[in-house]
Amino acid sequence: MSHINLVKLCVGCDSVESLAQWQQMRTGRDPDWQPRHITRMWPKREAELVAGGSLYWVIKGVILARQRVLLLDEAIGEDGIRRCGLVLSRELVRTQPAPRRPFQGWRYLQPGDAPPDLPASRDGDDPLPPELSSRLAEIGIL
């Protein structure tokens, strides 16, 4: 079975580092904790998503990172409404910057449309400001 990805705005974080710090803070309190993102809608393509798909994070208008989706878990909010918990890998993988227009919720992302991962040799690079990454990606330099 082929896989499908999701793309989602990373609200409240202005960099990959701030997302990593937030997730690391949660892990520090509970060593068994897995990163989880709660969303209102349950993906209809669940089997394809957990068959190797990732959640691609849009930070300041640019896809900059992804995390593998391990499973979908039911989450009941304080209001009693059933939601979907996207349980993610702890590994946060940087991707080549890819600009995205604002949208609500999440969208499916075909594997062929997903930005490639950055090479491991670039892991130590200082990150570009998101606005600069977005502008460079728009003109095809990144």
Protein backbone atom coordinates (compact mmCIF):
# COMPACT_ATOMS: atom_id res chain seq x y z
CA MET A 1 0.00 0.00 0.00
CA SER A 2 1.30 3.44 -0.86
CA HIS A 3 1.24 6.20 1.71
CA ILE A 4 -0.18 9.70 1.94
CA ASN A 5 1.05 12.66 3.98
CA LEU A 6 -0.63 15.55 5.77
CA VAL A 7 0.38 19.19 5.75
CA LYS A 8 -0.57 21.40 8.72
CA LEU A 9 0.12 24.91 9.94
CA CYS A 10 2.33 24.93 13.03
CA VAL A 11 0.49 27.55 15.06
CA GLY A 12 2.38 29.08 17.96
CA CYS A 13 5.88 28.19 16.77
CA ASP A 14 8.01 30.54 14.74
CA SER A 15 10.82 28.08 13.93
CA VAL A 16 11.64 24.38 13.79
CA GLU A 17 13.72 24.93 16.91
CA SER A 18 10.74 26.28 18.87
CA LEU A 19 8.64 23.26 17.80
CA ALA A 20 11.45 20.92 18.88
CA GLN A 21 11.82 22.73 22.22
CA TRP A 22 8.08 22.53 22.92
CA GLN A 23 8.04 18.81 22.16
CA GLN A 24 11.25 18.20 24.15
CA MET A 25 9.76 20.02 27.14
CA ARG A 26 6.79 17.61 27.09
CA THR A 27 9.10 14.59 26.76
CA GLY A 28 11.14 15.77 29.76
CA ARG A 29 8.09 15.50 32.01
CA ASP A 30 7.12 12.01 30.81
CA PRO A 31 9.76 9.78 29.17
CA ASP A 32 7.03 7.65 27.54
CA TRP A 33 5.29 10.65 25.95
CA GLN A 34 5.04 10.67 22.17
CA PRO A 35 4.47 13.91 20.28
CA ARG A 36 0.79 14.21 19.46
CA HIS A 37 -1.22 16.75 17.53
CA ILE A 38 -4.96 16.92 18.14
CA THR A 39 -7.18 17.83 15.21
CA ARG A 40 -10.96 18.01 14.84
CA MET A 41 -11.31 15.85 11.74
CA TRP A 42 -10.33 12.19 11.47
CA PRO A 43 -8.47 11.50 8.18
CA LYS A 44 -10.51 9.20 5.96
CA ARG A 45 -7.27 7.87 4.48
CA GLU A 46 -6.00 6.58 7.83
CA ALA A 47 -4.55 3.32 6.48
CA GLU A 48 -2.46 5.19 3.88
CA LEU A 49 -1.35 7.75 6.45
CA VAL A 50 0.00 5.22 8.96
CA ALA A 51 1.60 3.17 6.14
CA GLY A 52 4.60 5.52 6.06
CA GLY A 53 3.08 9.00 5.91
CA SER A 54 4.34 12.12 7.66
CA LEU A 55 2.90 15.34 9.01
CA TYR A 56 4.62 18.23 7.21
CA TRP A 57 4.79 21.34 9.37
CA VAL A 58 4.19 24.78 7.81
CA ILE A 59 6.02 27.40 9.87
CA LYS A 60 5.55 31.07 8.92
CA GLY A 61 4.20 30.12 5.48
CA VAL A 62 6.89 27.56 4.60
CA ILE A 63 7.06 23.77 5.02
CA LEU A 64 10.27 23.34 7.02
CA ALA A 65 9.99 19.97 8.79
CA ARG A 66 8.12 16.69 9.01
CA GLN A 67 7.37 13.95 11.51
CA ARG A 68 6.26 10.40 10.75
CA VAL A 69 2.67 9.63 11.72
CA LEU A 70 2.77 6.47 13.83
CA LEU A 71 -0.93 6.04 14.56
CA LEU A 72 -4.22 7.84 15.01
CA ASP A 73 -5.67 7.85 18.49
CA GLU A 74 -9.06 8.97 19.71
CA ALA A 75 -9.01 12.07 21.91
CA ILE A 76 -12.14 13.27 23.71
CA GLY A 77 -12.02 16.99 24.53
CA GLU A 78 -13.35 18.62 27.68
CA ASP A 79 -16.43 19.46 25.60
CA GLY A 80 -17.07 15.73 25.01
CA ILE A 81 -16.32 15.96 21.28
CA ARG A 82 -14.33 13.15 19.65
CA ARG A 83 -11.14 14.34 17.97
CA CYS A 84 -8.19 12.71 16.27
CA GLY A 85 -4.79 12.51 17.96
CA LEU A 86 -2.01 12.23 15.39
CA VAL A 87 0.70 10.34 17.28
CA LEU A 88 4.05 11.35 15.81
CA SER A 89 7.61 10.07 15.83
CA ARG A 90 9.94 11.96 18.15
CA GLU A 91 12.29 12.54 15.21
CA LEU A 92 11.76 15.96 13.66
CA VAL A 93 13.20 15.88 10.12
CA ARG A 94 14.08 19.15 8.41
CA THR A 95 12.94 19.49 4.82
CA GLN A 96 13.86 21.76 1.98
CA PRO A 97 11.74 24.90 2.36
CA ALA A 98 8.50 24.88 0.36
CA PRO A 99 6.14 27.88 0.52
CA ARG A 100 2.46 27.29 1.37
CA ARG A 101 -0.47 29.66 1.34
CA PRO A 102 -2.52 29.90 4.54
CA PHE A 103 -5.29 27.33 5.00
CA GLN A 104 -7.41 25.93 7.81
CA GLY A 105 -7.10 22.45 9.25
CA TRP A 106 -4.86 20.04 7.37
CA ARG A 107 -4.53 18.92 3.77
CA TYR A 108 -3.42 15.69 2.17
CA LEU A 109 -0.01 15.86 0.51
CA GLN A 110 0.96 13.34 -2.15
CA PRO A 111 4.46 11.85 -1.71
CA GLY A 112 5.54 13.28 -5.08
CA ASP A 113 4.53 16.79 -3.97
CA ALA A 114 6.31 16.64 -0.61
CA PRO A 115 9.55 18.59 -0.26
CA PRO A 116 12.64 16.39 0.09
CA ASP A 117 14.43 16.02 3.40
CA LEU A 118 17.53 18.12 3.91
CA PRO A 119 20.73 16.09 3.68
CA ALA A 120 22.15 15.01 7.05
CA SER A 121 25.23 17.11 6.29
CA ARG A 122 23.06 20.25 6.63
CA ASP A 123 21.75 19.38 10.12
CA GLY A 124 24.25 21.74 11.74
CA ASP A 125 23.48 24.68 9.44
CA ASP A 126 22.12 27.82 11.04
CA PRO A 127 18.47 28.12 10.00
CA LEU A 128 17.48 30.93 7.69
CA PRO A 129 14.76 33.24 8.94
CA PRO A 130 11.40 31.84 7.76
CA GLU A 131 10.62 34.95 5.71
CA LEU A 132 13.92 34.62 3.81
CA SER A 133 13.38 30.88 3.27
CA SER A 134 9.93 31.61 1.89
CA ARG A 135 11.18 34.29 -0.52
CA LEU A 136 14.07 32.11 -1.75
CA ALA A 137 11.76 29.12 -2.24
CA GLU A 138 9.27 31.28 -4.17
CA ILE A 139 11.92 32.19 -6.73
CA GLY A 140 13.29 28.63 -6.90
CA ILE A 141 16.61 29.10 -5.14
CA LEU A 142 15.88 26.71 -2.24
